[in-house]
Structures are given as structure tokens and as C-alpha cells.
Amino acid sequence: MWLTFGSVVLLVIIDQLTKWWASTVLQAAGTLPFLPGILQLTYIVNDGAAFSIFAGKQKMLIIFTALALTVILVLLVLKKYPNNFVRWGLTLILGGGIGNLIDRVLNGIVVDFFEVIYMEYAIYNMADCFIVTGCCCLAVGILFEERIAAWKAKKPNKG
């Protein structure tokens, strides 16, 4: 349990430090190259959710996010997850969600800075990366739950 919650704290710290960097350094620079032809760093603020949906609806986003994060926290505390893929998915979503919730509550906006340049896509931040990766882990853990359980059952006990 300590590893899970320590990971959440670390994810929030990484998210908040990168947003602080974007606000102090990147905002003044405008745009910086990161991965040529693929990704650049561009400071932007977003008062909505992904792709600016629900822009200007901060109270609704804060309430919805807080409720969703509370459910995830309860699942983690009660250990109501079938496997580690789901646990780590929930951990990543919790860390990223808290990071963005901090911004919404304190500033009314979320700082974004990763910009995909080879296609039209939303500008995003580390918390968003954690949330998307967490959703992928969650999907793998749920879709392959039976296979994961069968693999764990066959695995020799190191005890």
C-alpha cells in the first residue's frame, strides 16, 4: 500500500514541477523544440478538460474529478482490484487526476505544454500522460484479467 501511495505522491510532484517549469521558463520562451518533427513544448492554459471540452465549467470539472478520484482512492484502500495492471492503472489515474485537480482548484486553469506537431492534437501535460497511461493499464488489466490470473496461478511460488 505504501508503494502505491508513495507513487501517487511522486506522480503529483513530477506533474507540479513540470507545470511550474512550463509557467516560469516555457511561458517566457513561447515554444521550444523537444522531439524534432514529432513534439514541441508550447505553453498554454486550459480552462476545460481534454481538447478543451467543458471550457469554463470549472465547478463541474472540480466536482466530477473529486468524485472520480474518491472512488479510485476507495478502490485502492480497500484493495478492490483484480490484478496489478488495474492497481497501477488506478494509481496513475489518481496521481494525474490530483495533479490537474490542484491546478483547477488553485488557479482555475490547467497548464499544458506538450504539443504534437505531426498531426492535429490537443496540447497536454504530464498529468494527462499519467491518466492516459493509467487508462491503458486499466484496460489491459480488465480485458486480460482471466489470462493474468491463469499466468499467476502457473507461476512457481518463490516463498
N, C-alpha and C. Protein backbone atom coordinates (compact mmCIF):
# COMPACT_ATOMS: atom_id res chain seq x y z
N MET A 1 0.83 -1.20 0.00
CA MET A 1 0.00 0.00 0.00
C MET A 1 0.87 1.26 0.00
N TRP A 2 1.98 1.23 0.75
CA TRP A 2 2.86 2.40 0.81
C TRP A 2 3.47 2.70 -0.55
N LEU A 3 3.80 1.66 -1.31
CA LEU A 3 4.35 1.86 -2.65
C LEU A 3 3.33 2.56 -3.54
N THR A 4 2.08 2.15 -3.45
CA THR A 4 1.03 2.77 -4.26
C THR A 4 0.88 4.25 -3.93
N PHE A 5 0.75 4.57 -2.66
CA PHE A 5 0.54 5.97 -2.29
C PHE A 5 1.81 6.80 -2.41
N GLY A 6 2.96 6.19 -2.22
CA GLY A 6 4.22 6.89 -2.50
C GLY A 6 4.33 7.23 -3.98
N SER A 7 3.87 6.31 -4.82
CA SER A 7 3.88 6.55 -6.27
C SER A 7 2.94 7.70 -6.63
N VAL A 8 1.78 7.74 -6.00
CA VAL A 8 0.84 8.85 -6.26
C VAL A 8 1.49 10.18 -5.91
N VAL A 9 2.13 10.24 -4.76
CA VAL A 9 2.81 11.48 -4.33
C VAL A 9 3.90 11.86 -5.33
N LEU A 10 4.68 10.89 -5.76
CA LEU A 10 5.75 11.15 -6.74
C LEU A 10 5.16 11.66 -8.07
N LEU A 11 4.09 11.06 -8.53
CA LEU A 11 3.45 11.49 -9.78
C LEU A 11 2.95 12.93 -9.67
N VAL A 12 2.35 13.27 -8.54
CA VAL A 12 1.86 14.63 -8.33
C VAL A 12 3.04 15.61 -8.32
N ILE A 13 4.12 15.25 -7.67
CA ILE A 13 5.31 16.12 -7.61
C ILE A 13 5.87 16.32 -9.02
N ILE A 14 6.02 15.25 -9.78
CA ILE A 14 6.53 15.37 -11.16
C ILE A 14 5.62 16.29 -11.97
N ASP A 15 4.32 16.07 -11.88
CA ASP A 15 3.37 16.90 -12.62
C ASP A 15 3.48 18.37 -12.23
N GLN A 16 3.48 18.64 -10.94
CA GLN A 16 3.51 20.03 -10.48
C GLN A 16 4.85 20.71 -10.81
N LEU A 17 5.95 19.97 -10.72
CA LEU A 17 7.25 20.55 -11.09
C LEU A 17 7.33 20.88 -12.58
N THR A 18 6.81 20.00 -13.42
CA THR A 18 6.85 20.28 -14.87
C THR A 18 5.93 21.45 -15.23
N LYS A 19 4.80 21.57 -14.54
CA LYS A 19 3.90 22.71 -14.79
C LYS A 19 4.53 24.00 -14.28
N TRP A 20 5.23 23.92 -13.15
CA TRP A 20 5.96 25.09 -12.64
C TRP A 20 7.02 25.52 -13.65
N TRP A 21 7.77 24.54 -14.18
CA TRP A 21 8.80 24.84 -15.18
C TRP A 21 8.15 25.49 -16.41
N ALA A 22 7.05 24.92 -16.87
CA ALA A 22 6.38 25.47 -18.04
C ALA A 22 5.91 26.90 -17.78
N SER A 23 5.43 27.17 -16.58
CA SER A 23 4.93 28.50 -16.24
C SER A 23 6.04 29.52 -16.08
N THR A 24 7.21 29.09 -15.62
CA THR A 24 8.29 30.04 -15.36
C THR A 24 9.27 30.16 -16.52
N VAL A 25 9.59 29.07 -17.17
CA VAL A 25 10.59 29.10 -18.24
C VAL A 25 9.93 29.10 -19.62
N LEU A 26 9.07 28.13 -19.84
CA LEU A 26 8.48 27.95 -21.18
C LEU A 26 7.56 29.10 -21.56
N GLN A 27 6.80 29.63 -20.62
CA GLN A 27 5.89 30.72 -20.94
C GLN A 27 6.67 31.90 -21.53
N ALA A 28 7.83 32.21 -20.97
CA ALA A 28 8.65 33.32 -21.48
C ALA A 28 9.26 32.98 -22.83
N ALA A 29 9.62 31.71 -23.04
CA ALA A 29 10.26 31.29 -24.29
C ALA A 29 9.25 31.11 -25.42
N GLY A 30 8.01 30.82 -25.08
CA GLY A 30 6.98 30.57 -26.10
C GLY A 30 6.92 29.11 -26.48
N THR A 31 7.73 28.72 -27.44
CA THR A 31 7.76 27.34 -27.91
C THR A 31 9.22 26.89 -28.01
N LEU A 32 9.48 25.67 -27.57
CA LEU A 32 10.82 25.09 -27.66
C LEU A 32 10.73 23.74 -28.36
N PRO A 33 11.73 23.41 -29.19
CA PRO A 33 11.73 22.08 -29.81
C PRO A 33 12.00 21.02 -28.75
N PHE A 34 11.42 19.83 -28.93
CA PHE A 34 11.63 18.74 -27.98
C PHE A 34 12.04 17.48 -28.74
N LEU A 35 11.18 16.95 -29.55
CA LEU A 35 11.48 15.83 -30.44
C LEU A 35 11.19 16.33 -31.86
N PRO A 36 12.23 16.74 -32.59
CA PRO A 36 12.03 17.38 -33.90
C PRO A 36 11.09 16.59 -34.81
N GLY A 37 10.12 17.30 -35.36
CA GLY A 37 9.15 16.71 -36.26
C GLY A 37 8.04 15.94 -35.58
N ILE A 38 8.15 15.77 -34.26
CA ILE A 38 7.15 14.98 -33.54
C ILE A 38 6.48 15.80 -32.43
N LEU A 39 7.30 16.38 -31.56
CA LEU A 39 6.76 17.02 -30.36
C LEU A 39 7.54 18.30 -30.06
N GLN A 40 6.80 19.35 -29.71
CA GLN A 40 7.44 20.57 -29.24
C GLN A 40 6.79 20.98 -27.93
N LEU A 41 7.44 21.86 -27.22
CA LEU A 41 6.92 22.34 -25.94
C LEU A 41 6.34 23.73 -26.16
N THR A 42 5.06 23.87 -25.91
CA THR A 42 4.34 25.12 -26.10
C THR A 42 3.49 25.38 -24.87
N TYR A 43 3.71 26.54 -24.24
CA TYR A 43 2.94 26.89 -23.05
C TYR A 43 1.53 27.31 -23.44
N ILE A 44 0.55 26.74 -22.75
CA ILE A 44 -0.84 27.12 -22.96
C ILE A 44 -1.60 26.82 -21.67
N VAL A 45 -2.66 27.56 -21.41
CA VAL A 45 -3.52 27.24 -20.27
C VAL A 45 -4.87 26.78 -20.81
N ASN A 46 -5.50 25.89 -20.07
CA ASN A 46 -6.76 25.28 -20.49
C ASN A 46 -7.74 25.37 -19.33
N ASP A 47 -8.89 25.99 -19.59
CA ASP A 47 -9.89 26.05 -18.52
C ASP A 47 -10.98 25.00 -18.72
N GLY A 48 -10.69 24.01 -19.55
CA GLY A 48 -11.61 22.90 -19.77
C GLY A 48 -10.92 21.58 -19.47
N ALA A 49 -11.50 20.52 -19.98
CA ALA A 49 -10.90 19.19 -19.85
C ALA A 49 -10.15 18.89 -21.16
N ALA A 50 -9.94 17.63 -21.47
CA ALA A 50 -9.23 17.24 -22.69
C ALA A 50 -9.87 17.89 -23.91
N PHE A 51 -9.03 18.38 -24.82
CA PHE A 51 -9.49 19.04 -26.04
C PHE A 51 -10.39 20.25 -25.72
N SER A 52 -10.22 20.82 -24.53
CA SER A 52 -10.96 21.99 -24.06
C SER A 52 -12.47 21.77 -23.94
N ILE A 53 -12.90 20.50 -23.83
CA ILE A 53 -14.33 20.28 -23.61
C ILE A 53 -14.69 20.77 -22.22
N PHE A 54 -15.88 21.23 -22.05
CA PHE A 54 -16.38 21.82 -20.80
C PHE A 54 -15.58 23.05 -20.39
N ALA A 55 -15.05 23.78 -21.38
CA ALA A 55 -14.30 25.00 -21.09
C ALA A 55 -15.17 25.95 -20.28
N GLY A 56 -14.57 26.53 -19.25
CA GLY A 56 -15.26 27.49 -18.41
C GLY A 56 -16.18 26.88 -17.37
N LYS A 57 -16.24 25.58 -17.29
CA LYS A 57 -17.12 24.90 -16.34
C LYS A 57 -16.28 24.30 -15.20
N GLN A 58 -15.52 25.15 -14.53
CA GLN A 58 -14.58 24.71 -13.51
C GLN A 58 -15.25 24.00 -12.34
N LYS A 59 -16.36 24.54 -11.85
CA LYS A 59 -17.02 23.90 -10.70
C LYS A 59 -17.43 22.48 -11.04
N MET A 60 -18.02 22.29 -12.22
CA MET A 60 -18.45 20.96 -12.63
C MET A 60 -17.24 20.02 -12.76
N LEU A 61 -16.16 20.50 -13.38
CA LEU A 61 -14.96 19.68 -13.55
C LEU A 61 -14.33 19.33 -12.19
N ILE A 62 -14.32 20.28 -11.29
CA ILE A 62 -13.74 20.03 -9.96
C ILE A 62 -14.57 18.98 -9.21
N ILE A 63 -15.88 19.14 -9.25
CA ILE A 63 -16.76 18.18 -8.54
C ILE A 63 -16.64 16.79 -9.15
N PHE A 64 -16.73 16.70 -10.47
CA PHE A 64 -16.65 15.40 -11.14
C PHE A 64 -15.30 14.73 -10.86
N THR A 65 -14.22 15.51 -10.98
CA THR A 65 -12.88 14.96 -10.74
C THR A 65 -12.73 14.49 -9.30
N ALA A 66 -13.19 15.30 -8.35
CA ALA A 66 -13.08 14.93 -6.93
C ALA A 66 -13.86 13.63 -6.65
N LEU A 67 -15.04 13.50 -7.22
CA LEU A 67 -15.83 12.29 -7.01
C LEU A 67 -15.13 11.07 -7.62
N ALA A 68 -14.64 11.21 -8.85
CA ALA A 68 -13.96 10.10 -9.51
C ALA A 68 -12.70 9.69 -8.75
N LEU A 69 -11.94 10.67 -8.28
CA LEU A 69 -10.71 10.37 -7.53
C LEU A 69 -11.04 9.72 -6.18
N THR A 70 -12.15 10.11 -5.58
CA THR A 70 -12.57 9.49 -4.32
C THR A 70 -12.89 8.02 -4.53
N VAL A 71 -13.59 7.71 -5.61
CA VAL A 71 -13.91 6.31 -5.92
C VAL A 71 -12.63 5.51 -6.14
N ILE A 72 -11.68 6.08 -6.89
CA ILE A 72 -10.40 5.40 -7.14
C ILE A 72 -9.64 5.19 -5.83
N LEU A 73 -9.62 6.20 -4.98
CA LEU A 73 -8.93 6.09 -3.70
C LEU A 73 -9.55 4.98 -2.84
N VAL A 74 -10.86 4.91 -2.81
CA VAL A 74 -11.54 3.86 -2.04
C VAL A 74 -11.18 2.48 -2.60
N LEU A 75 -11.19 2.33 -3.92
CA LEU A 75 -10.82 1.05 -4.53
C LEU A 75 -9.40 0.65 -4.15
N LEU A 76 -8.49 1.61 -4.14
CA LEU A 76 -7.10 1.30 -3.79
C LEU A 76 -6.96 0.95 -2.30
N VAL A 77 -7.61 1.72 -1.44
CA VAL A 77 -7.52 1.46 0.00
C VAL A 77 -8.12 0.10 0.35
N LEU A 78 -9.25 -0.22 -0.25
CA LEU A 78 -9.92 -1.50 0.03
C LEU A 78 -9.35 -2.66 -0.78
N LYS A 79 -8.37 -2.35 -1.62
CA LYS A 79 -7.72 -3.34 -2.47
C LYS A 79 -8.74 -4.08 -3.34
N LYS A 80 -9.64 -3.32 -3.93
CA LYS A 80 -10.70 -3.86 -4.79
C LYS A 80 -10.27 -3.77 -6.25
N TYR A 81 -9.22 -4.49 -6.57
CA TYR A 81 -8.75 -4.55 -7.95
C TYR A 81 -8.27 -5.98 -8.19
N PRO A 82 -8.49 -6.50 -9.39
CA PRO A 82 -8.21 -7.92 -9.64
C PRO A 82 -6.73 -8.26 -9.85
N ASN A 83 -5.92 -7.27 -10.25
CA ASN A 83 -4.52 -7.56 -10.55
C ASN A 83 -3.71 -6.26 -10.52
N ASN A 84 -2.40 -6.41 -10.66
CA ASN A 84 -1.52 -5.25 -10.57
C ASN A 84 -1.66 -4.28 -11.74
N PHE A 85 -2.07 -4.76 -12.91
CA PHE A 85 -2.31 -3.84 -14.03
C PHE A 85 -3.39 -2.84 -13.64
N VAL A 86 -4.45 -3.33 -13.05
CA VAL A 86 -5.54 -2.46 -12.62
C VAL A 86 -5.07 -1.55 -11.49
N ARG A 87 -4.32 -2.10 -10.55
CA ARG A 87 -3.82 -1.28 -9.43
C ARG A 87 -2.95 -0.14 -9.94
N TRP A 88 -2.01 -0.45 -10.85
CA TRP A 88 -1.14 0.61 -11.35
C TRP A 88 -1.90 1.58 -12.25
N GLY A 89 -2.90 1.07 -12.96
CA GLY A 89 -3.74 1.97 -13.74
C GLY A 89 -4.45 2.97 -12.84
N LEU A 90 -5.04 2.47 -11.77
CA LEU A 90 -5.73 3.34 -10.82
C LEU A 90 -4.75 4.31 -10.16
N THR A 91 -3.55 3.84 -9.86
CA THR A 91 -2.52 4.69 -9.25
C THR A 91 -2.14 5.84 -10.17
N LEU A 92 -1.91 5.53 -11.45
CA LEU A 92 -1.55 6.56 -12.43
C LEU A 92 -2.69 7.56 -12.63
N ILE A 93 -3.92 7.06 -12.71
CA ILE A 93 -5.06 7.95 -12.88
C ILE A 93 -5.22 8.84 -11.66
N LEU A 94 -5.04 8.28 -10.47
CA LEU A 94 -5.15 9.06 -9.23
C LEU A 94 -4.09 10.16 -9.19
N GLY A 95 -2.85 9.81 -9.47
CA GLY A 95 -1.77 10.81 -9.45
C GLY A 95 -2.00 11.92 -10.47
N GLY A 96 -2.34 11.54 -11.69
CA GLY A 96 -2.60 12.55 -12.72
C GLY A 96 -3.83 13.39 -12.41
N GLY A 97 -4.86 12.73 -11.92
CA GLY A 97 -6.08 13.45 -11.58
C GLY A 97 -5.87 14.46 -10.47
N ILE A 98 -5.10 14.08 -9.46
CA ILE A 98 -4.80 15.01 -8.37
C ILE A 98 -3.99 16.18 -8.90
N GLY A 99 -3.03 15.91 -9.76
CA GLY A 99 -2.21 16.98 -10.34
C GLY A 99 -3.06 18.02 -11.06
N ASN A 100 -3.97 17.57 -11.91
CA ASN A 100 -4.83 18.51 -12.63
C ASN A 100 -5.86 19.16 -11.70
N LEU A 101 -6.33 18.42 -10.70
CA LEU A 101 -7.29 18.99 -9.75
C LEU A 101 -6.65 20.13 -8.95
N ILE A 102 -5.40 19.97 -8.56
CA ILE A 102 -4.68 21.04 -7.85
C ILE A 102 -4.71 22.32 -8.68
N ASP A 103 -4.41 22.20 -9.97
CA ASP A 103 -4.41 23.38 -10.84
C ASP A 103 -5.80 24.01 -10.94
N ARG A 104 -6.81 23.17 -11.13
CA ARG A 104 -8.18 23.70 -11.26
C ARG A 104 -8.62 24.43 -9.99
N VAL A 105 -8.34 23.84 -8.83
CA VAL A 105 -8.77 24.43 -7.56
C VAL A 105 -7.98 25.72 -7.27
N LEU A 106 -6.66 25.68 -7.44
CA LEU A 106 -5.83 26.84 -7.07
C LEU A 106 -5.83 27.95 -8.10
N ASN A 107 -5.89 27.57 -9.39
CA ASN A 107 -5.70 28.57 -10.45
C ASN A 107 -6.89 28.72 -11.40
N GLY A 108 -7.81 27.79 -11.36
CA GLY A 108 -8.95 27.85 -12.28
C GLY A 108 -8.61 27.41 -13.68
N ILE A 109 -7.38 27.01 -13.90
CA ILE A 109 -6.91 26.55 -15.22
C ILE A 109 -5.91 25.42 -15.02
N VAL A 110 -5.60 24.73 -16.11
CA VAL A 110 -4.57 23.70 -16.11
C VAL A 110 -3.50 24.12 -17.11
N VAL A 111 -2.24 24.01 -16.71
CA VAL A 111 -1.13 24.34 -17.59
C VAL A 111 -0.82 23.12 -18.47
N ASP A 112 -0.78 23.33 -19.78
CA ASP A 112 -0.42 22.29 -20.74
C ASP A 112 0.80 22.75 -21.52
N PHE A 113 1.57 21.79 -22.05
CA PHE A 113 2.79 22.19 -22.75
C PHE A 113 3.32 21.21 -23.79
N PHE A 114 2.88 19.96 -23.80
CA PHE A 114 3.33 19.03 -24.84
C PHE A 114 2.44 19.21 -26.07
N GLU A 115 3.05 19.55 -27.19
CA GLU A 115 2.29 19.76 -28.43
C GLU A 115 2.79 18.81 -29.51
N VAL A 116 1.92 17.94 -29.96
CA VAL A 116 2.22 17.04 -31.08
C VAL A 116 2.19 17.88 -32.34
N ILE A 117 3.25 17.84 -33.17
CA ILE A 117 3.29 18.71 -34.34
C ILE A 117 3.08 17.99 -35.67
N TYR A 118 3.08 16.69 -35.68
CA TYR A 118 2.90 15.99 -36.94
C TYR A 118 1.42 15.72 -37.25
N MET A 119 0.54 16.05 -36.31
CA MET A 119 -0.90 15.91 -36.53
C MET A 119 -1.65 16.86 -35.61
N GLU A 120 -2.90 17.12 -35.91
CA GLU A 120 -3.73 17.98 -35.08
C GLU A 120 -4.13 17.21 -33.82
N TYR A 121 -3.69 17.71 -32.67
CA TYR A 121 -3.97 17.02 -31.42
C TYR A 121 -3.96 18.05 -30.30
N ALA A 122 -4.57 17.72 -29.18
CA ALA A 122 -4.61 18.62 -28.02
C ALA A 122 -3.20 18.79 -27.45
N ILE A 123 -2.96 19.94 -26.86
CA ILE A 123 -1.74 20.16 -26.10
C ILE A 123 -2.02 19.63 -24.69
N TYR A 124 -1.07 18.93 -24.10
CA TYR A 124 -1.32 18.22 -22.85
C TYR A 124 -0.15 18.36 -21.89
N ASN A 125 -0.27 17.75 -20.71
CA ASN A 125 0.77 17.86 -19.68
C ASN A 125 1.10 16.49 -19.11
N MET A 126 1.97 16.44 -18.12
CA MET A 126 2.38 15.16 -17.52
C MET A 126 1.20 14.44 -16.87
N ALA A 127 0.34 15.19 -16.18
CA ALA A 127 -0.83 14.56 -15.54
C ALA A 127 -1.68 13.84 -16.58
N ASP A 128 -1.85 14.47 -17.73
CA ASP A 128 -2.62 13.85 -18.81
C ASP A 128 -1.93 12.57 -19.29
N CYS A 129 -0.60 12.59 -19.37
CA CYS A 129 0.15 11.38 -19.75
C CYS A 129 -0.08 10.27 -18.74
N PHE A 130 -0.05 10.62 -17.45
CA PHE A 130 -0.29 9.61 -16.41
C PHE A 130 -1.70 9.04 -16.51
N ILE A 131 -2.67 9.90 -16.76
CA ILE A 131 -4.07 9.45 -16.84
C ILE A 131 -4.27 8.52 -18.04
N VAL A 132 -3.73 8.89 -19.19
CA VAL A 132 -3.88 8.05 -20.39
C VAL A 132 -3.16 6.72 -20.21
N THR A 133 -1.96 6.75 -19.67
CA THR A 133 -1.22 5.51 -19.42
C THR A 133 -1.98 4.65 -18.40
N GLY A 134 -2.53 5.29 -17.37
CA GLY A 134 -3.32 4.57 -16.38
C GLY A 134 -4.54 3.92 -17.00
N CYS A 135 -5.21 4.61 -17.90
CA CYS A 135 -6.38 4.03 -18.58
C CYS A 135 -5.97 2.83 -19.42
N CYS A 136 -4.81 2.89 -20.05
CA CYS A 136 -4.31 1.75 -20.83
C CYS A 136 -4.03 0.56 -19.91
N CYS A 137 -3.38 0.81 -18.78
CA CYS A 137 -3.12 -0.27 -17.81
C CYS A 137 -4.43 -0.86 -17.30
N LEU A 138 -5.38 0.00 -17.02
CA LEU A 138 -6.70 -0.44 -16.56
C LEU A 138 -7.36 -1.33 -17.60
N ALA A 139 -7.30 -0.91 -18.86
CA ALA A 139 -7.91 -1.70 -19.94
C ALA A 139 -7.24 -3.06 -20.06
N VAL A 140 -5.91 -3.10 -20.03
CA VAL A 140 -5.19 -4.38 -20.11
C VAL A 140 -5.58 -5.26 -18.93
N GLY A 141 -5.57 -4.69 -17.73
CA GLY A 141 -5.89 -5.46 -16.53
C GLY A 141 -7.30 -6.03 -16.54
N ILE A 142 -8.23 -5.28 -17.09
CA ILE A 142 -9.62 -5.75 -17.14
C ILE A 142 -9.83 -6.72 -18.30
N LEU A 143 -9.33 -6.37 -19.49
CA LEU A 143 -9.54 -7.22 -20.67
C LEU A 143 -8.85 -8.57 -20.56
N PHE A 144 -7.70 -8.58 -19.91
CA PHE A 144 -6.93 -9.82 -19.82
C PHE A 144 -6.90 -10.38 -18.40
N GLU A 145 -7.89 -10.04 -17.60
CA GLU A 145 -7.95 -10.46 -16.20
C GLU A 145 -7.83 -11.97 -16.05
N GLU A 146 -8.55 -12.72 -16.84
CA GLU A 146 -8.52 -14.18 -16.72
C GLU A 146 -7.15 -14.74 -17.10
N ARG A 147 -6.55 -14.19 -18.14
CA ARG A 147 -5.22 -14.66 -18.56
C ARG A 147 -4.16 -14.32 -17.53
N ILE A 148 -4.27 -13.14 -16.94
CA ILE A 148 -3.32 -12.74 -15.91
C ILE A 148 -3.45 -13.67 -14.70
N ALA A 149 -4.67 -13.97 -14.29
CA ALA A 149 -4.90 -14.86 -13.15
C ALA A 149 -4.37 -16.26 -13.45
N ALA A 150 -4.58 -16.75 -14.67
CA ALA A 150 -4.08 -18.07 -15.04
C ALA A 150 -2.55 -18.08 -15.03
N TRP A 151 -1.94 -17.02 -15.52
CA TRP A 151 -0.48 -16.92 -15.54
C TRP A 151 0.07 -16.90 -14.12
N LYS A 152 -0.58 -16.14 -13.23
CA LYS A 152 -0.14 -16.07 -11.84
C LYS A 152 -0.28 -17.43 -11.15
N ALA A 153 -1.32 -18.18 -11.49
CA ALA A 153 -1.54 -19.50 -10.88
C ALA A 153 -0.46 -20.48 -11.30
N LYS A 154 0.05 -20.37 -12.54
CA LYS A 154 1.09 -21.27 -13.04
C LYS A 154 2.48 -20.89 -12.54
N LYS A 155 2.67 -19.63 -12.18
CA LYS A 155 3.97 -19.12 -11.76
C LYS A 155 4.43 -19.84 -10.50
N PRO A 156 5.68 -20.33 -10.49
CA PRO A 156 6.17 -21.03 -9.29
C PRO A 156 6.24 -20.08 -8.09
N ASN A 157 5.91 -20.59 -6.93
CA ASN A 157 5.94 -19.80 -5.71
C ASN A 157 7.39 -19.65 -5.23
N LYS A 158 7.82 -18.40 -5.02
CA LYS A 158 9.19 -18.15 -4.59
C LYS A 158 9.31 -18.18 -3.06
N GLY A 159 8.21 -18.49 -2.38
CA GLY A 159 8.12 -18.42 -0.93
C GLY A 159 8.99 -19.33 -0.21
